[in-house]
PDB file of all heavy atoms in Angstrom:
ATOM      1  N   ARG A   1      -7.972  16.128 -32.192  1.00  0.00           N
ATOM      2  CA  ARG A   1      -7.645  17.323 -33.057  1.00  0.00           C
ATOM      3  C   ARG A   1      -8.908  18.168 -33.179  1.00  0.00           C
ATOM      4  O   ARG A   1      -8.880  19.451 -33.012  1.00  0.00           O
ATOM      5  CB  ARG A   1      -7.048  16.933 -34.363  1.00  0.00           C
ATOM      6  CG  ARG A   1      -6.890  18.134 -35.292  1.00  0.00           C
ATOM      7  CD  ARG A   1      -5.926  17.828 -36.365  1.00  0.00           C
ATOM      8  NE  ARG A   1      -4.660  18.277 -35.808  1.00  0.00           N
ATOM      9  CZ  ARG A   1      -3.531  18.256 -36.478  1.00  0.00           C
ATOM     10  NH1 ARG A   1      -3.535  17.660 -37.603  1.00  0.00           N
ATOM     11  NH2 ARG A   1      -2.469  18.717 -35.960  1.00  0.00           N
ATOM     12  N   GLY A   2     -10.024  17.566 -33.469  1.00  0.00           N
ATOM     13  CA  GLY A   2     -11.237  18.368 -33.671  1.00  0.00           C
ATOM     14  C   GLY A   2     -11.752  19.109 -32.486  1.00  0.00           C
ATOM     15  O   GLY A   2     -12.112  20.267 -32.469  1.00  0.00           O
ATOM     16  N   LEU A   3     -11.745  18.407 -31.349  1.00  0.00           N
ATOM     17  CA  LEU A   3     -12.116  19.026 -29.994  1.00  0.00           C
ATOM     18  C   LEU A   3     -11.121  20.051 -29.614  1.00  0.00           C
ATOM     19  O   LEU A   3     -11.511  21.079 -29.112  1.00  0.00           O
ATOM     20  CB  LEU A   3     -12.201  17.968 -28.967  1.00  0.00           C
ATOM     21  CG  LEU A   3     -12.736  18.412 -27.595  1.00  0.00           C
ATOM     22  CD1 LEU A   3     -14.067  19.024 -27.634  1.00  0.00           C
ATOM     23  CD2 LEU A   3     -12.683  17.276 -26.592  1.00  0.00           C
ATOM     24  N   ALA A   4      -9.833  19.866 -29.879  1.00  0.00           N
ATOM     25  CA  ALA A   4      -8.834  20.838 -29.492  1.00  0.00           C
ATOM     26  C   ALA A   4      -9.054  22.173 -30.309  1.00  0.00           C
ATOM     27  O   ALA A   4      -9.008  23.252 -29.770  1.00  0.00           O
ATOM     28  CB  ALA A   4      -7.457  20.321 -29.843  1.00  0.00           C
ATOM     29  N   ARG A   5      -9.415  22.056 -31.663  1.00  0.00           N
ATOM     30  CA  ARG A   5      -9.630  23.197 -32.439  1.00  0.00           C
ATOM     31  C   ARG A   5     -10.840  23.952 -31.955  1.00  0.00           C
ATOM     32  O   ARG A   5     -10.885  25.185 -31.846  1.00  0.00           O
ATOM     33  CB  ARG A   5      -9.820  22.802 -33.911  1.00  0.00           C
ATOM     34  CG  ARG A   5      -8.519  22.453 -34.523  1.00  0.00           C
ATOM     35  CD  ARG A   5      -8.696  22.288 -36.047  1.00  0.00           C
ATOM     36  NE  ARG A   5      -7.470  21.849 -36.624  1.00  0.00           N
ATOM     37  CZ  ARG A   5      -7.349  21.522 -37.873  1.00  0.00           C
ATOM     38  NH1 ARG A   5      -8.406  21.422 -38.626  1.00  0.00           N
ATOM     39  NH2 ARG A   5      -6.165  21.257 -38.351  1.00  0.00           N
ATOM     40  N   LEU A   6     -11.938  23.190 -31.615  1.00  0.00           N
ATOM     41  CA  LEU A   6     -13.161  23.846 -31.078  1.00  0.00           C
ATOM     42  C   LEU A   6     -12.911  24.551 -29.773  1.00  0.00           C
ATOM     43  O   LEU A   6     -13.408  25.718 -29.630  1.00  0.00           O
ATOM     44  CB  LEU A   6     -14.236  22.732 -30.892  1.00  0.00           C
ATOM     45  CG  LEU A   6     -15.590  23.263 -30.272  1.00  0.00           C
ATOM     46  CD1 LEU A   6     -16.260  24.067 -31.284  1.00  0.00           C
ATOM     47  CD2 LEU A   6     -16.369  22.102 -29.871  1.00  0.00           C
ATOM     48  N   LEU A   7     -12.164  23.957 -28.894  1.00  0.00           N
ATOM     49  CA  LEU A   7     -11.855  24.621 -27.580  1.00  0.00           C
ATOM     50  C   LEU A   7     -10.992  25.841 -27.824  1.00  0.00           C
ATOM     51  O   LEU A   7     -11.141  26.864 -27.124  1.00  0.00           O
ATOM     52  CB  LEU A   7     -11.109  23.638 -26.624  1.00  0.00           C
ATOM     53  CG  LEU A   7     -12.020  22.580 -26.084  1.00  0.00           C
ATOM     54  CD1 LEU A   7     -11.288  21.563 -25.236  1.00  0.00           C
ATOM     55  CD2 LEU A   7     -13.148  23.138 -25.173  1.00  0.00           C
ATOM     56  N   LEU A   8     -10.055  25.768 -28.768  1.00  0.00           N
ATOM     57  CA  LEU A   8      -9.171  26.976 -28.962  1.00  0.00           C
ATOM     58  C   LEU A   8      -9.988  28.115 -29.591  1.00  0.00           C
ATOM     59  O   LEU A   8      -9.813  29.244 -29.241  1.00  0.00           O
ATOM     60  CB  LEU A   8      -8.075  26.568 -29.953  1.00  0.00           C
ATOM     61  CG  LEU A   8      -6.893  25.801 -29.237  1.00  0.00           C
ATOM     62  CD1 LEU A   8      -5.887  25.397 -30.365  1.00  0.00           C
ATOM     63  CD2 LEU A   8      -6.209  26.631 -28.149  1.00  0.00           C
ATOM     64  N   VAL A   9     -10.914  27.819 -30.494  1.00  0.00           N
ATOM     65  CA  VAL A   9     -11.837  28.831 -31.007  1.00  0.00           C
ATOM     66  C   VAL A   9     -12.690  29.445 -29.924  1.00  0.00           C
ATOM     67  O   VAL A   9     -12.829  30.649 -29.836  1.00  0.00           O
ATOM     68  CB  VAL A   9     -12.706  28.269 -32.154  1.00  0.00           C
ATOM     69  CG1 VAL A   9     -13.851  29.190 -32.487  1.00  0.00           C
ATOM     70  CG2 VAL A   9     -11.887  27.894 -33.365  1.00  0.00           C
ATOM     71  N   LEU A  10     -13.206  28.539 -29.007  1.00  0.00           N
ATOM     72  CA  LEU A  10     -14.011  29.072 -27.916  1.00  0.00           C
ATOM     73  C   LEU A  10     -13.193  29.986 -26.956  1.00  0.00           C
ATOM     74  O   LEU A  10     -13.674  31.061 -26.594  1.00  0.00           O
ATOM     75  CB  LEU A  10     -14.535  27.869 -27.095  1.00  0.00           C
ATOM     76  CG  LEU A  10     -15.380  28.252 -25.892  1.00  0.00           C
ATOM     77  CD1 LEU A  10     -16.691  28.951 -26.385  1.00  0.00           C
ATOM     78  CD2 LEU A  10     -15.731  27.026 -25.115  1.00  0.00           C
ATOM     79  N   VAL A  11     -11.969  29.607 -26.674  1.00  0.00           N
ATOM     80  CA  VAL A  11     -11.069  30.424 -25.812  1.00  0.00           C
ATOM     81  C   VAL A  11     -10.701  31.719 -26.527  1.00  0.00           C
ATOM     82  O   VAL A  11     -10.782  32.786 -25.840  1.00  0.00           O
ATOM     83  CB  VAL A  11      -9.804  29.628 -25.403  1.00  0.00           C
ATOM     84  CG1 VAL A  11      -8.750  30.512 -24.798  1.00  0.00           C
ATOM     85  CG2 VAL A  11     -10.159  28.477 -24.428  1.00  0.00           C
ATOM     86  N   HIS A  12     -10.405  31.678 -27.809  1.00  0.00           N
ATOM     87  CA  HIS A  12     -10.102  32.921 -28.501  1.00  0.00           C
ATOM     88  C   HIS A  12     -11.278  33.847 -28.504  1.00  0.00           C
ATOM     89  O   HIS A  12     -11.150  35.065 -28.418  1.00  0.00           O
ATOM     90  CB  HIS A  12      -9.640  32.620 -29.921  1.00  0.00           C
ATOM     91  CG  HIS A  12      -8.285  32.079 -29.903  1.00  0.00           C
ATOM     92  ND1 HIS A  12      -7.577  31.696 -31.119  1.00  0.00           N
ATOM     93  CD2 HIS A  12      -7.362  31.712 -28.951  1.00  0.00           C
ATOM     94  CE1 HIS A  12      -6.413  31.232 -30.811  1.00  0.00           C
ATOM     95  NE2 HIS A  12      -6.251  31.203 -29.508  1.00  0.00           N
ATOM     96  N   PHE A  13     -12.516  33.245 -28.693  1.00  0.00           N
ATOM     97  CA  PHE A  13     -13.720  34.070 -28.715  1.00  0.00           C
ATOM     98  C   PHE A  13     -13.966  34.748 -27.387  1.00  0.00           C
ATOM     99  O   PHE A  13     -14.264  35.936 -27.289  1.00  0.00           O
ATOM    100  CB  PHE A  13     -14.930  33.278 -29.057  1.00  0.00           C
ATOM    101  CG  PHE A  13     -16.290  33.930 -28.966  1.00  0.00           C
ATOM    102  CD1 PHE A  13     -16.575  34.920 -29.879  1.00  0.00           C
ATOM    103  CD2 PHE A  13     -17.088  33.646 -27.956  1.00  0.00           C
ATOM    104  CE1 PHE A  13     -17.792  35.597 -29.735  1.00  0.00           C
ATOM    105  CE2 PHE A  13     -18.312  34.337 -27.812  1.00  0.00           C
ATOM    106  CZ  PHE A  13     -18.642  35.307 -28.714  1.00  0.00           C
ATOM    107  N   MET A  14     -13.763  33.971 -26.314  1.00  0.00           N
ATOM    108  CA  MET A  14     -13.980  34.476 -24.904  1.00  0.00           C
ATOM    109  C   MET A  14     -12.948  35.606 -24.538  1.00  0.00           C
ATOM    110  O   MET A  14     -13.305  36.565 -23.917  1.00  0.00           O
ATOM    111  CB  MET A  14     -13.920  33.394 -23.934  1.00  0.00           C
ATOM    112  CG  MET A  14     -15.137  32.445 -23.989  1.00  0.00           C
ATOM    113  SD  MET A  14     -15.129  31.034 -22.856  1.00  0.00           S
ATOM    114  CE  MET A  14     -15.236  31.941 -21.283  1.00  0.00           C
ATOM    115  N   THR A  15     -11.814  35.447 -25.045  1.00  0.00           N
ATOM    116  CA  THR A  15     -10.757  36.468 -24.782  1.00  0.00           C
ATOM    117  C   THR A  15     -10.967  37.724 -25.594  1.00  0.00           C
ATOM    118  O   THR A  15     -10.370  38.763 -25.270  1.00  0.00           O
ATOM    119  CB  THR A  15      -9.266  35.926 -24.971  1.00  0.00           C
ATOM    120  OG1 THR A  15      -9.129  35.453 -26.266  1.00  0.00           O
ATOM    121  CG2 THR A  15      -8.998  34.818 -23.925  1.00  0.00           C
ATOM    122  N   SER A  16     -11.781  37.677 -26.633  1.00  0.00           N
ATOM    123  CA  SER A  16     -11.956  38.832 -27.464  1.00  0.00           C
ATOM    124  C   SER A  16     -13.023  39.748 -26.860  1.00  0.00           C
ATOM    125  O   SER A  16     -13.202  40.878 -27.316  1.00  0.00           O
ATOM    126  CB  SER A  16     -12.362  38.479 -28.881  1.00  0.00           C
ATOM    127  OG  SER A  16     -13.548  37.856 -28.891  1.00  0.00           O
ATOM    128  N   ILE A  17     -13.769  39.247 -25.845  1.00  0.00           N
ATOM    129  CA  ILE A  17     -14.872  40.010 -25.236  1.00  0.00           C
ATOM    130  C   ILE A  17     -14.316  40.866 -24.088  1.00  0.00           C
ATOM    131  O   ILE A  17     -13.615  40.313 -23.272  1.00  0.00           O
ATOM    132  CB  ILE A  17     -15.948  39.065 -24.761  1.00  0.00           C
ATOM    133  CG1 ILE A  17     -16.567  38.308 -25.883  1.00  0.00           C
ATOM    134  CG2 ILE A  17     -16.996  39.842 -23.988  1.00  0.00           C
ATOM    135  CD1 ILE A  17     -17.513  37.244 -25.398  1.00  0.00           C
ATOM    136  N   PRO A  18     -14.526  42.182 -24.161  1.00  0.00           N
ATOM    137  CA  PRO A  18     -14.019  43.079 -23.026  1.00  0.00           C
ATOM    138  C   PRO A  18     -14.553  42.634 -21.698  1.00  0.00           C
ATOM    139  O   PRO A  18     -15.660  42.121 -21.585  1.00  0.00           O
ATOM    140  CB  PRO A  18     -14.443  44.424 -23.436  1.00  0.00           C
ATOM    141  CG  PRO A  18     -14.824  44.371 -24.937  1.00  0.00           C
ATOM    142  CD  PRO A  18     -15.210  42.889 -25.093  1.00  0.00           C
ATOM    143  N   THR A  19     -13.745  42.899 -20.708  1.00  0.00           N
ATOM    144  CA  THR A  19     -14.189  42.462 -19.328  1.00  0.00           C
ATOM    145  C   THR A  19     -15.395  43.324 -18.827  1.00  0.00           C
ATOM    146  O   THR A  19     -16.123  42.838 -18.006  1.00  0.00           O
ATOM    147  CB  THR A  19     -13.050  42.691 -18.321  1.00  0.00           C
ATOM    148  OG1 THR A  19     -12.583  43.985 -18.301  1.00  0.00           O
ATOM    149  CG2 THR A  19     -11.892  41.713 -18.614  1.00  0.00           C
ATOM    150  N   VAL A  20     -15.626  44.492 -19.401  1.00  0.00           N
ATOM    151  CA  VAL A  20     -16.794  45.258 -19.108  1.00  0.00           C
ATOM    152  C   VAL A  20     -18.059  44.458 -19.415  1.00  0.00           C
ATOM    153  O   VAL A  20     -19.049  44.495 -18.657  1.00  0.00           O
ATOM    154  CB  VAL A  20     -16.734  46.638 -19.822  1.00  0.00           C
ATOM    155  CG1 VAL A  20     -17.989  47.401 -19.573  1.00  0.00           C
ATOM    156  CG2 VAL A  20     -15.513  47.432 -19.335  1.00  0.00           C
ATOM    157  N   ILE A  21     -18.074  43.751 -20.537  1.00  0.00           N
ATOM    158  CA  ILE A  21     -19.232  43.015 -20.902  1.00  0.00           C
ATOM    159  C   ILE A  21     -19.481  41.920 -19.900  1.00  0.00           C
ATOM    160  O   ILE A  21     -20.618  41.633 -19.484  1.00  0.00           O
ATOM    161  CB  ILE A  21     -19.054  42.398 -22.339  1.00  0.00           C
ATOM    162  CG1 ILE A  21     -18.733  43.529 -23.348  1.00  0.00           C
ATOM    163  CG2 ILE A  21     -20.142  41.549 -22.763  1.00  0.00           C
ATOM    164  CD1 ILE A  21     -19.855  44.531 -23.430  1.00  0.00           C
ATOM    165  N   TYR A  22     -18.361  41.229 -19.439  1.00  0.00           N
ATOM    166  CA  TYR A  22     -18.591  40.218 -18.388  1.00  0.00           C
ATOM    167  C   TYR A  22     -19.125  40.784 -17.132  1.00  0.00           C
ATOM    168  O   TYR A  22     -19.939  40.217 -16.431  1.00  0.00           O
ATOM    169  CB  TYR A  22     -17.279  39.527 -18.133  1.00  0.00           C
ATOM    170  CG  TYR A  22     -16.808  38.608 -19.270  1.00  0.00           C
ATOM    171  CD1 TYR A  22     -15.654  38.719 -19.892  1.00  0.00           C
ATOM    172  CD2 TYR A  22     -17.602  37.470 -19.594  1.00  0.00           C
ATOM    173  CE1 TYR A  22     -15.272  37.894 -20.931  1.00  0.00           C
ATOM    174  CE2 TYR A  22     -17.213  36.577 -20.600  1.00  0.00           C
ATOM    175  CZ  TYR A  22     -16.053  36.813 -21.250  1.00  0.00           C
ATOM    176  OH  TYR A  22     -15.711  35.942 -22.244  1.00  0.00           O
ATOM    177  N   GLY A  23     -18.787  42.054 -16.811  1.00  0.00           N
ATOM    178  CA  GLY A  23     -19.301  42.787 -15.667  1.00  0.00           C
ATOM    179  C   GLY A  23     -20.765  43.054 -15.840  1.00  0.00           C
ATOM    180  O   GLY A  23     -21.529  42.852 -14.904  1.00  0.00           O
ATOM    181  N   PHE A  24     -21.240  43.443 -17.036  1.00  0.00           N
ATOM    182  CA  PHE A  24     -22.640  43.706 -17.209  1.00  0.00           C
ATOM    183  C   PHE A  24     -23.427  42.395 -17.127  1.00  0.00           C
ATOM    184  O   PHE A  24     -24.498  42.332 -16.564  1.00  0.00           O
ATOM    185  CB  PHE A  24     -22.893  44.363 -18.585  1.00  0.00           C
ATOM    186  CG  PHE A  24     -22.631  45.825 -18.621  1.00  0.00           C
ATOM    187  CD1 PHE A  24     -21.797  46.340 -19.504  1.00  0.00           C
ATOM    188  CD2 PHE A  24     -23.270  46.694 -17.670  1.00  0.00           C
ATOM    189  CE1 PHE A  24     -21.585  47.720 -19.517  1.00  0.00           C
ATOM    190  CE2 PHE A  24     -23.036  48.036 -17.661  1.00  0.00           C
ATOM    191  CZ  PHE A  24     -22.168  48.580 -18.636  1.00  0.00           C
ATOM    192  N   VAL A  25     -22.860  41.347 -17.661  1.00  0.00           N
ATOM    193  CA  VAL A  25     -23.592  40.021 -17.575  1.00  0.00           C
ATOM    194  C   VAL A  25     -23.701  39.626 -16.127  1.00  0.00           C
ATOM    195  O   VAL A  25     -24.714  39.108 -15.665  1.00  0.00           O
ATOM    196  CB  VAL A  25     -22.776  38.934 -18.411  1.00  0.00           C
ATOM    197  CG1 VAL A  25     -23.290  37.525 -18.119  1.00  0.00           C
ATOM    198  CG2 VAL A  25     -22.934  39.264 -19.877  1.00  0.00           C
ATOM    199  N   SER A  26     -22.672  39.888 -15.359  1.00  0.00           N
ATOM    200  CA  SER A  26     -22.662  39.473 -13.940  1.00  0.00           C
ATOM    201  C   SER A  26     -23.764  40.306 -13.189  1.00  0.00           C
ATOM    202  O   SER A  26     -24.490  39.784 -12.415  1.00  0.00           O
ATOM    203  CB  SER A  26     -21.319  39.802 -13.313  1.00  0.00           C
ATOM    204  OG  SER A  26     -21.341  39.530 -11.880  1.00  0.00           O
ATOM    205  N   VAL A  27     -23.816  41.635 -13.506  1.00  0.00           N
ATOM    206  CA  VAL A  27     -24.781  42.428 -12.762  1.00  0.00           C
ATOM    207  C   VAL A  27     -26.223  42.125 -13.180  1.00  0.00           C
ATOM    208  O   VAL A  27     -27.096  42.013 -12.312  1.00  0.00           O
ATOM    209  CB  VAL A  27     -24.407  43.972 -13.029  1.00  0.00           C
ATOM    210  CG1 VAL A  27     -25.568  44.854 -12.532  1.00  0.00           C
ATOM    211  CG2 VAL A  27     -23.150  44.250 -12.258  1.00  0.00           C
TER     212      VAL A  27
END
């Protein structure tokens, strides 16, 4: 349960970041 909550928080955080930011990080 604890690891599942941590992973869900991480996934929700990552999906809140716009893809443009991932593009800048990539470049």
